[in-house]
Protein backbone atom coordinates (compact mmCIF):
# COMPACT_ATOMS: atom_id res chain seq x y z
CA MET A 1 -22.21 7.73 33.19
CA LEU A 2 -24.61 10.23 34.74
CA GLN A 3 -25.58 7.73 37.42
CA GLY A 4 -21.93 7.16 38.32
CA PHE A 5 -21.32 10.91 38.50
CA LEU A 6 -24.29 11.41 40.79
CA SER A 7 -23.18 8.56 43.08
CA THR A 8 -19.70 10.04 43.39
CA TYR A 9 -21.12 13.51 44.00
CA LEU A 10 -23.43 12.26 46.74
CA VAL A 11 -20.66 10.41 48.57
CA ARG A 12 -17.88 13.00 48.28
CA VAL A 13 -19.76 16.27 48.36
CA LEU A 14 -23.13 15.85 50.01
CA ALA A 15 -22.29 13.07 52.48
CA PRO A 16 -20.25 15.24 54.86
CA ALA A 17 -23.06 17.76 55.02
CA LEU A 18 -25.52 15.02 55.90
CA LEU A 19 -23.50 13.58 58.76
CA GLY A 20 -24.72 16.09 61.30
CA ALA A 21 -28.31 15.24 60.47
CA LEU A 22 -27.58 11.52 60.77
CA LEU A 23 -25.92 11.75 64.16
CA LEU A 24 -27.31 13.33 67.31
CA PRO A 25 -30.11 15.75 68.10
CA ALA A 26 -28.77 19.31 68.11
CA ALA A 27 -30.05 19.74 71.64
CA ALA A 28 -27.57 17.25 73.07
CA HIS A 29 -24.88 19.64 74.38
CA ALA A 30 -23.92 18.19 77.76
CA GLY A 31 -20.24 18.68 77.00
CA CYS A 32 -17.06 16.90 78.10
CA SER A 33 -15.35 18.17 81.24
CA ARG A 34 -12.01 18.60 79.41
CA VAL A 35 -10.22 18.08 76.10
CA ILE A 36 -10.13 14.38 75.16
CA LYS A 37 -6.64 13.02 74.37
CA VAL A 38 -6.40 10.78 71.30
CA PRO A 39 -2.91 9.49 70.51
CA ALA A 40 -3.02 7.47 67.29
CA ALA A 41 -0.91 5.96 64.54
CA ALA A 42 -1.51 6.59 60.86
CA THR A 43 -3.86 3.83 59.68
CA GLY A 44 -4.65 3.89 55.97
CA GLN A 45 -7.49 6.34 55.38
CA THR A 46 -8.91 5.62 58.83
CA VAL A 47 -6.51 8.07 60.51
CA THR A 48 -4.09 10.26 58.55
CA PHE A 49 -1.63 12.92 59.69
CA LYS A 50 -0.24 15.83 57.69
CA GLY A 51 1.82 17.89 60.08
CA GLU A 52 -0.56 18.80 62.89
CA GLN A 53 -3.63 18.23 60.71
CA THR A 54 -5.58 15.01 61.21
CA ALA A 55 -8.05 13.54 58.74
CA GLY A 56 -9.62 10.24 57.81
CA LEU A 57 -12.67 8.27 58.88
CA VAL A 58 -12.25 8.47 62.66
CA PRO A 59 -11.18 12.13 62.93
CA ASP A 60 -14.04 13.13 60.61
CA MET A 61 -16.58 11.28 62.71
CA LEU A 62 -15.26 12.46 66.08
CA LYS A 63 -15.23 16.06 64.85
CA VAL A 64 -18.92 15.87 63.96
CA ILE A 65 -19.84 13.99 67.14
CA GLY A 66 -17.83 16.41 69.27
CA ALA A 67 -19.59 19.40 67.77
CA LYS A 68 -22.93 17.84 68.64
CA ILE A 69 -22.19 16.99 72.27
CA GLY A 70 -19.68 19.69 73.17
CA CYS A 71 -16.43 17.69 73.21
CA THR A 72 -13.03 18.57 71.75
CA PHE A 73 -10.41 15.99 70.76
CA LYS A 74 -6.65 16.55 70.79
CA TRP A 75 -4.82 14.23 68.38
CA SER A 76 -1.16 13.28 68.53
CA LEU A 77 0.90 11.02 66.28
CA VAL A 78 2.32 8.07 68.21
CA PRO A 79 4.01 4.85 66.98
CA ARG A 80 1.49 2.01 67.04
CA ILE A 81 3.65 -0.12 69.29
CA ARG A 82 3.33 2.51 72.06
CA LEU A 83 -0.43 2.95 71.88
CA GLU A 84 -1.34 -0.18 73.83
CA ALA A 85 0.99 0.71 76.70
CA MET A 86 -0.32 4.29 76.80
CA PHE A 87 -3.91 3.10 76.94
CA GLU A 88 -3.19 0.57 79.67
CA ALA A 89 -1.36 3.24 81.69
CA GLY A 90 -4.26 5.69 81.38
CA SER A 91 -2.33 8.28 79.35
CA ALA A 92 -4.70 7.90 76.37
CA ASP A 93 -8.42 8.64 76.66
CA LEU A 94 -9.31 6.77 73.48
CA LEU A 95 -7.81 3.85 71.58
CA VAL A 96 -9.10 4.23 68.03
CA ALA A 97 -9.11 1.91 65.01
CA ALA A 98 -8.96 -0.94 67.51
CA THR A 99 -10.16 -4.52 67.43
CA HIS A 100 -12.02 -6.03 70.37
CA LEU A 101 -9.75 -8.07 72.65
CA ASP A 102 -10.47 -9.44 76.12
CA ARG A 103 -7.29 -7.97 77.58
CA ARG A 104 -8.29 -4.48 76.44
CA ASP A 105 -11.63 -4.79 78.22
CA GLN A 106 -9.77 -4.50 81.52
CA HIS A 107 -8.76 -0.95 80.61
CA GLY A 108 -11.61 0.40 78.53
CA VAL A 109 -15.16 0.19 77.22
CA PHE A 110 -15.34 -0.94 73.60
CA VAL A 111 -17.76 0.62 71.12
CA PRO A 112 -17.77 -1.19 67.75
CA VAL A 113 -18.40 1.00 64.71
CA LEU A 114 -17.80 -1.31 61.73
CA GLU A 115 -16.84 -4.86 60.84
CA SER A 116 -13.79 -5.79 58.80
CA ARG A 117 -12.10 -8.98 57.70
CA PRO A 118 -8.32 -9.32 57.70
CA THR A 119 -7.06 -11.33 54.74
CA LEU A 120 -3.80 -12.59 53.33
CA ILE A 121 -2.65 -9.99 50.80
CA SER A 122 0.00 -10.50 48.14
CA ILE A 123 0.93 -9.42 44.63
CA ALA A 124 -1.14 -11.44 42.18
CA SER A 125 0.53 -14.64 40.96
CA ASP A 126 -0.30 -18.20 39.94
CA ARG A 127 0.72 -19.51 43.37
CA PRO A 128 -1.74 -22.09 44.78
CA ARG A 129 -4.27 -20.57 47.15
CA ILE A 130 -3.46 -20.53 50.88
CA HIS A 131 -6.44 -21.41 53.08
CA ASN A 132 -5.16 -21.22 56.65
CA TYR A 133 -2.24 -20.49 58.97
CA GLU A 134 -0.85 -24.02 58.66
CA GLU A 135 -0.54 -23.73 54.90
CA LEU A 136 1.10 -20.33 55.26
CA LEU A 137 3.67 -21.79 57.65
CA GLU A 138 4.37 -24.57 55.14
CA GLN A 139 5.11 -22.04 52.37
CA ARG A 140 8.57 -21.21 53.71
CA ALA A 141 9.64 -19.36 50.59
CA LEU A 142 7.09 -16.60 51.24
CA ARG A 143 8.43 -13.65 53.21
CA VAL A 144 5.77 -12.23 55.54
CA ALA A 145 5.52 -8.59 56.60
CA LEU A 146 3.12 -7.61 59.40
CA VAL A 147 2.27 -4.35 61.14
CA ARG A 148 3.72 -4.22 64.64
CA GLY A 149 0.86 -3.76 67.10
CA TYR A 150 -1.90 -5.31 64.96
CA ASP A 151 -3.61 -8.08 66.90
CA TYR A 152 -6.26 -10.50 65.61
CA GLY A 153 -6.42 -12.86 68.58
CA ASP A 154 -4.56 -15.74 70.20
CA GLU A 155 -4.06 -17.84 67.06
CA TYR A 156 -2.69 -14.82 65.20
CA ARG A 157 -0.15 -14.16 67.96
CA GLU A 158 0.94 -17.80 67.78
CA LEU A 159 1.33 -17.46 64.01
CA VAL A 160 3.54 -14.40 64.48
CA LYS A 161 5.77 -16.34 66.89
CA ALA A 162 6.03 -19.29 64.49
CA LEU A 163 6.88 -17.08 61.51
CA GLY A 164 9.53 -15.34 63.58
CA ALA A 165 11.03 -18.68 64.54
CA GLN A 166 11.21 -19.58 60.84
CA GLY A 167 13.23 -16.43 60.17
CA ARG A 168 11.00 -14.99 57.46
CA LEU A 169 9.06 -12.33 59.31
CA TYR A 170 9.32 -8.54 58.98
CA MET A 171 7.57 -6.45 61.64
CA GLU A 172 6.90 -2.96 60.29
CA PRO A 173 5.51 0.24 61.87
CA ASP A 174 2.67 0.73 59.37
CA ALA A 175 0.96 -0.57 56.24
CA LEU A 176 2.76 1.84 53.91
CA SER A 177 6.13 0.45 55.00
CA ILE A 178 4.88 -3.01 54.08
CA GLY A 179 3.68 -1.71 50.72
CA ARG A 180 7.16 -0.41 50.01
CA LEU A 181 8.71 -3.78 50.90
CA MET A 182 6.29 -5.61 48.61
CA ALA A 183 6.76 -3.13 45.75
CA GLY A 184 10.52 -3.52 46.09
CA GLY A 185 10.38 -7.32 46.10
CA MET A 186 11.50 -7.58 49.74
CA ALA A 187 8.30 -9.15 51.09
CA ASP A 188 5.65 -11.40 49.57
CA VAL A 189 2.54 -11.35 51.78
CA THR A 190 0.90 -9.48 54.62
CA ILE A 191 -2.22 -9.87 56.78
CA MET A 192 -4.69 -7.05 57.43
CA PRO A 193 -8.01 -5.75 56.07
CA ALA A 194 -7.54 -4.96 52.38
CA SER A 195 -9.19 -1.56 52.83
CA SER A 196 -6.54 -0.57 55.40
CA PHE A 197 -3.70 -1.70 53.14
CA ILE A 198 -4.99 -0.12 49.94
CA GLY A 199 -5.84 3.10 51.76
CA ALA A 200 -2.26 3.37 52.99
CA LEU A 201 -0.91 3.15 49.44
CA ARG A 202 -2.63 6.29 48.18
CA ASP A 203 -0.57 9.27 47.03
CA ASP A 204 2.86 7.65 47.45
CA PRO A 205 4.84 7.32 44.20
CA ARG A 206 7.00 4.56 45.67
CA VAL A 207 4.03 2.18 45.64
CA ASP A 208 2.28 3.57 42.57
CA GLY A 209 0.25 0.88 40.81
CA LEU A 210 0.66 -1.69 43.58
CA ALA A 211 -3.00 -1.61 44.67
CA ALA A 212 -4.17 -2.74 41.22
CA ARG A 213 -1.88 -5.79 41.38
CA LEU A 214 -3.00 -7.19 44.72
CA ARG A 215 -4.55 -10.57 45.47
CA THR A 216 -6.52 -11.28 48.65
CA GLU A 217 -7.13 -14.68 50.24
CA VAL A 218 -9.47 -15.44 53.13
CA LEU A 219 -7.84 -17.46 55.91
CA GLU A 220 -9.95 -19.84 57.97
CA GLU A 221 -8.70 -18.47 61.30
CA LEU A 222 -9.67 -14.87 60.45
CA PRO A 223 -13.44 -14.27 60.56
CA TRP A 224 -15.20 -10.92 60.43
CA ILE A 225 -14.17 -8.85 63.43
CA LYS A 226 -15.61 -5.75 65.05
CA THR A 227 -13.42 -2.66 64.92
CA GLY A 228 -14.07 0.52 66.83
CA ILE A 229 -13.03 2.72 69.72
CA TYR A 230 -12.06 1.96 73.31
CA LEU A 231 -12.95 4.53 75.98
CA SER A 232 -10.54 4.54 78.92
CA LYS A 233 -11.78 3.38 82.31
CA LYS A 234 -8.73 4.98 83.93
CA SER A 235 -8.37 8.47 82.50
CA LEU A 236 -11.96 9.38 81.63
CA SER A 237 -14.50 10.34 84.26
CA LYS A 238 -17.63 8.20 84.27
CA ALA A 239 -19.68 11.17 83.06
CA ASP A 240 -17.38 11.83 80.09
CA ARG A 241 -17.12 8.14 79.26
CA ASP A 242 -20.89 7.66 79.35
CA LEU A 243 -21.45 10.74 77.21
CA LEU A 244 -18.96 9.60 74.57
CA GLU A 245 -20.22 6.01 74.62
CA GLN A 246 -23.82 7.05 74.01
CA ALA A 247 -22.81 9.48 71.27
CA LEU A 248 -20.77 6.80 69.49
CA ILE A 249 -23.57 4.23 69.75
CA THR A 250 -26.05 6.72 68.32
CA SER A 251 -23.73 7.57 65.44
CA VAL A 252 -23.29 3.88 64.58
CA LYS A 253 -27.05 3.28 64.57
CA SER A 254 -27.50 6.25 62.23
CA GLY A 255 -25.32 4.64 59.55
CA ALA A 256 -23.00 7.65 59.46
CA TRP A 257 -19.83 5.59 59.89
CA TRP A 258 -20.54 3.59 56.75
CA VAL A 259 -21.44 6.73 54.80
CA THR A 260 -18.14 8.35 55.80
CA LEU A 261 -16.13 5.19 55.09
CA LYS A 262 -17.33 5.26 51.48
CA LYS A 263 -16.01 8.81 51.21
CA TYR A 264 -12.49 7.40 51.55
CA TYR A 265 -12.77 3.98 49.88
CA PRO A 266 -14.48 2.91 46.64
CA VAL A 267 -17.13 0.25 47.11
CA SER A 268 -15.01 -2.19 45.07
CA VAL A 269 -12.34 -2.06 47.80
CA LEU A 270 -14.84 -2.45 50.64
CA THR A 271 -16.64 -5.44 49.13
CA ASP A 272 -15.85 -8.60 51.14
CA HIS A 273 -13.48 -6.63 53.40
CA ALA A 274 -15.62 -4.16 55.36
CA ARG A 275 -19.31 -3.79 56.19
CA PRO A 276 -21.66 -1.96 58.56
CA LEU A 277 -22.39 -3.71 61.84
CA ASP A 278 -25.91 -4.77 60.91
CA ALA A 279 -24.88 -6.45 57.66
CA SER A 280 -24.91 -9.92 59.26
CA LYS A 281 -28.34 -9.54 60.88
């Protein structure tokens, strides 16, 4: 019991105080030339909004990094479906909680911070296990709810089209909306990292108890993927972009992203669904 208490204390109380020491040398104060614009959608415990207050993994980390290098970030709540267009147009300096995609590389520089694995998530049942997209398409009785704007590559986009053609697809604005559908018996399965889904269910009485009832299944087409932050090639000056890129890389190497992630998610949730970048080395 004492060991568990100490582990919880270290993660929740001492970890934030240690982040500054893990990140950048205090002497690095070059500073950004202006306030950095970060439009974002609520994403589990990765990015949360309460009025004008922003919290979660990414805001926590950028706040610490910004204090070290002299940069300030202005957050705004934006529907996920609009974020891609804003980034491509150069009206967003950062695209956060993003997966690496070739088309995004045209518009920004990607800095991976963690790895995650999207899985098929459903309420536990005795249904036979689903191994791949083909088997999911064959299970026509299962209603599928996906977050609009999530993208896990070409095969995933083809799956979305096929599910839509079958008439059993719900496209929702966020993970919590999907949780409500599943809790109400309106949808059966979703696809995303389990940590993102479970994090979105916290503190909402309409989905109370749902997290404890979930089943996850690994699909063959969905390997571990790098998630991180894109820095705009259009809106950011080269000096600001280089400064932010180096600061992010240094913070990843320090292990601070993983330390902060465990502040928001218990290890039991992260196991098999999220890991630090060097875990596969």
